[in-house]
């Protein structure tokens, strides 16, 4: 029961973090807009990227624990 609640909370936070992230290139890259510019993530963008990875790993781990127990 507790794992289910934790998994729901992580899922909601993960969805929010993914939606907050800035979309680098959408359809603009198809028509030649800022396609091949390499830039590093800094500040909040880097924090959101790392948070997405950590939350995804946590979500997957809790999902596996739910299956096993």
Protein backbone atom coordinates (compact mmCIF):
# COMPACT_ATOMS: atom_id res chain seq x y z
CA UNK A 1 0.00 0.00 0.00
CA UNK A 2 2.76 2.44 0.92
CA UNK A 3 4.72 1.62 -2.23
CA UNK A 4 1.65 2.36 -4.34
CA UNK A 5 1.26 5.81 -2.81
CA UNK A 6 4.98 6.56 -3.24
CA UNK A 7 4.81 5.44 -6.85
CA UNK A 8 1.82 7.69 -7.56
CA UNK A 9 3.59 10.67 -5.99
CA UNK A 10 6.78 10.03 -7.99
CA UNK A 11 4.72 9.64 -11.18
CA UNK A 12 3.01 13.00 -10.65
CA UNK A 13 6.31 14.75 -9.90
CA UNK A 14 7.96 13.07 -12.91
CA UNK A 15 5.17 14.25 -15.22
CA UNK A 16 5.47 17.79 -13.86
CA UNK A 17 9.27 17.86 -14.30
CA UNK A 18 9.01 16.58 -17.87
CA UNK A 19 6.37 19.17 -18.77
CA UNK A 20 8.43 22.02 -17.26
CA UNK A 21 11.49 21.24 -19.38
CA UNK A 22 12.19 23.51 -22.31
CA UNK A 23 11.73 21.87 -25.69
CA UNK A 24 14.98 22.36 -27.58
CA UNK A 25 13.86 21.91 -31.17
CA UNK A 26 10.46 21.03 -32.48
CA UNK A 27 9.25 21.41 -36.02
CA UNK A 28 11.61 24.37 -36.47
CA UNK A 29 14.54 21.98 -36.87
CA UNK A 30 12.79 20.30 -39.81
CA UNK A 31 12.76 23.57 -41.76
CA UNK A 32 16.32 24.57 -40.87
CA UNK A 33 15.86 26.45 -37.61
CA UNK A 34 18.64 25.97 -35.02
CA UNK A 35 19.25 22.37 -35.96
CA UNK A 36 22.91 21.59 -35.32
CA UNK A 37 23.85 23.93 -32.50
CA UNK A 38 25.52 22.10 -29.62
CA UNK A 39 25.08 23.63 -26.21
CA UNK A 40 25.47 22.36 -22.67
CA UNK A 41 22.75 22.31 -20.07
CA UNK A 42 23.24 24.86 -17.30
CA UNK A 43 21.44 25.98 -14.19
CA UNK A 44 17.81 25.03 -13.86
CA UNK A 45 17.82 23.11 -17.16
CA UNK A 46 20.58 20.81 -15.88
CA UNK A 47 18.81 20.38 -12.54
CA UNK A 48 15.57 19.40 -14.26
CA UNK A 49 17.45 16.96 -16.50
CA UNK A 50 19.11 15.25 -13.54
CA UNK A 51 15.83 15.26 -11.58
CA UNK A 52 14.10 13.54 -14.51
CA UNK A 53 16.70 10.78 -14.55
CA UNK A 54 16.59 10.28 -10.77
CA UNK A 55 12.78 10.24 -10.69
CA UNK A 56 12.59 7.81 -13.61
CA UNK A 57 15.02 5.42 -11.89
CA UNK A 58 13.05 5.74 -8.65
CA UNK A 59 9.77 5.10 -10.45
CA UNK A 60 11.16 2.01 -12.16
CA UNK A 61 12.65 0.67 -8.92
CA UNK A 62 9.40 1.05 -7.02
CA UNK A 63 7.48 -0.53 -9.91
CA UNK A 64 9.80 -3.56 -9.75
CA UNK A 65 9.41 -3.73 -5.96
CA UNK A 66 5.62 -3.69 -6.39
CA UNK A 67 5.82 -6.61 -8.79
CA UNK A 68 8.10 -8.63 -6.52
CA UNK A 69 6.21 -8.06 -3.26
